[in-house]
């Protein structure tokens, strides 16, 4: 008895892997943007946002 189809599962996994990679790329671009904002206009809020974005990138990378 088979409860799931292997090909459908692998197709769905590939789709999720692409979405995780796209999300990771967007998060990395946002992190770089926040760092650039801090470099051009040194304010604490940009540094805090960059720290939060960097921790988000780390979480996404470790979760995948």
C-alpha atoms as a PDB file:
ATOM      1  CA  UNK A   1       0.000   0.000   0.000  1.00  0.00           C
ATOM      2  CA  UNK A   2       1.370   3.396  -1.002  1.00  0.00           C
ATOM      3  CA  UNK A   3       0.187   6.535   0.752  1.00  0.00           C
ATOM      4  CA  UNK A   4       2.076   9.072  -1.366  1.00  0.00           C
ATOM      5  CA  UNK A   5       3.503   9.351  -4.838  1.00  0.00           C
ATOM      6  CA  UNK A   6       7.253   9.772  -4.981  1.00  0.00           C
ATOM      7  CA  UNK A   7       7.327  11.926  -8.137  1.00  0.00           C
ATOM      8  CA  UNK A   8       4.739  14.363  -6.807  1.00  0.00           C
ATOM      9  CA  UNK A   9       6.668  14.671  -3.534  1.00  0.00           C
ATOM     10  CA  UNK A  10       9.980  15.349  -5.300  1.00  0.00           C
ATOM     11  CA  UNK A  11       8.344  17.945  -7.556  1.00  0.00           C
ATOM     12  CA  UNK A  12       6.898  19.736  -4.553  1.00  0.00           C
ATOM     13  CA  UNK A  13      10.254  19.623  -2.726  1.00  0.00           C
ATOM     14  CA  UNK A  14      11.997  21.167  -5.752  1.00  0.00           C
ATOM     15  CA  UNK A  15       9.405  23.923  -5.836  1.00  0.00           C
ATOM     16  CA  UNK A  16       9.891  24.682  -2.133  1.00  0.00           C
ATOM     17  CA  UNK A  17      13.667  24.673  -2.561  1.00  0.00           C
ATOM     18  CA  UNK A  18      13.381  27.293  -5.305  1.00  0.00           C
ATOM     19  CA  UNK A  19      11.114  29.461  -3.152  1.00  0.00           C
ATOM     20  CA  UNK A  20      13.462  29.192  -0.162  1.00  0.00           C
ATOM     21  CA  UNK A  21      16.385  30.201  -2.377  1.00  0.00           C
ATOM     22  CA  UNK A  22      14.469  33.162  -3.765  1.00  0.00           C
ATOM     23  CA  UNK A  23      13.498  34.270  -0.255  1.00  0.00           C
ATOM     24  CA  UNK A  24      17.095  33.940   0.905  1.00  0.00           C
ATOM     25  CA  UNK A  25      18.317  36.026  -2.028  1.00  0.00           C
ATOM     26  CA  UNK A  26      15.786  38.779  -1.350  1.00  0.00           C
ATOM     27  CA  UNK A  27      16.680  38.811   2.344  1.00  0.00           C
ATOM     28  CA  UNK A  28      20.384  39.092   1.483  1.00  0.00           C
ATOM     29  CA  UNK A  29      19.694  42.030  -0.841  1.00  0.00           C
ATOM     30  CA  UNK A  30      17.689  43.761   1.884  1.00  0.00           C
ATOM     31  CA  UNK A  31      20.527  43.194   4.343  1.00  0.00           C
ATOM     32  CA  UNK A  32      23.027  44.723   1.934  1.00  0.00           C
ATOM     33  CA  UNK A  33      20.688  47.671   1.420  1.00  0.00           C
ATOM     34  CA  UNK A  34      20.378  48.283   5.149  1.00  0.00           C
ATOM     35  CA  UNK A  35      24.151  48.159   5.546  1.00  0.00           C
ATOM     36  CA  UNK A  36      24.546  50.655   2.699  1.00  0.00           C
ATOM     37  CA  UNK A  37      22.003  52.950   4.325  1.00  0.00           C
ATOM     38  CA  UNK A  38      24.001  52.819   7.554  1.00  0.00           C
ATOM     39  CA  UNK A  39      27.229  53.584   5.678  1.00  0.00           C
ATOM     40  CA  UNK A  40      25.735  56.594   3.890  1.00  0.00           C
ATOM     41  CA  UNK A  41      23.657  57.909   6.812  1.00  0.00           C
ATOM     42  CA  UNK A  42      25.035  56.578  10.107  1.00  0.00           C
ATOM     43  CA  UNK A  43      21.992  56.332  12.332  1.00  0.00           C
ATOM     44  CA  UNK A  44      21.295  53.699  14.930  1.00  0.00           C
ATOM     45  CA  UNK A  45      18.015  52.646  13.357  1.00  0.00           C
ATOM     46  CA  UNK A  46      19.757  51.526  10.155  1.00  0.00           C
ATOM     47  CA  UNK A  47      22.292  49.542  12.166  1.00  0.00           C
ATOM     48  CA  UNK A  48      19.503  47.857  14.130  1.00  0.00           C
ATOM     49  CA  UNK A  49      17.606  47.055  10.925  1.00  0.00           C
ATOM     50  CA  UNK A  50      20.756  45.585   9.375  1.00  0.00           C
ATOM     51  CA  UNK A  51      21.301  43.430  12.462  1.00  0.00           C
ATOM     52  CA  UNK A  52      17.730  42.169  12.326  1.00  0.00           C
ATOM     53  CA  UNK A  53      17.982  41.491   8.589  1.00  0.00           C
ATOM     54  CA  UNK A  54      21.290  39.652   9.077  1.00  0.00           C
ATOM     55  CA  UNK A  55      19.788  37.465  11.805  1.00  0.00           C
ATOM     56  CA  UNK A  56      16.824  36.747   9.506  1.00  0.00           C
ATOM     57  CA  UNK A  57      19.188  35.662   6.722  1.00  0.00           C
ATOM     58  CA  UNK A  58      20.983  33.390   9.186  1.00  0.00           C
ATOM     59  CA  UNK A  59      17.710  31.841  10.327  1.00  0.00           C
ATOM     60  CA  UNK A  60      16.538  31.225   6.765  1.00  0.00           C
ATOM     61  CA  UNK A  61      19.896  29.711   5.814  1.00  0.00           C
ATOM     62  CA  UNK A  62      19.952  27.394   8.845  1.00  0.00           C
ATOM     63  CA  UNK A  63      16.333  26.347   8.403  1.00  0.00           C
ATOM     64  CA  UNK A  64      16.806  25.264   4.783  1.00  0.00           C
END
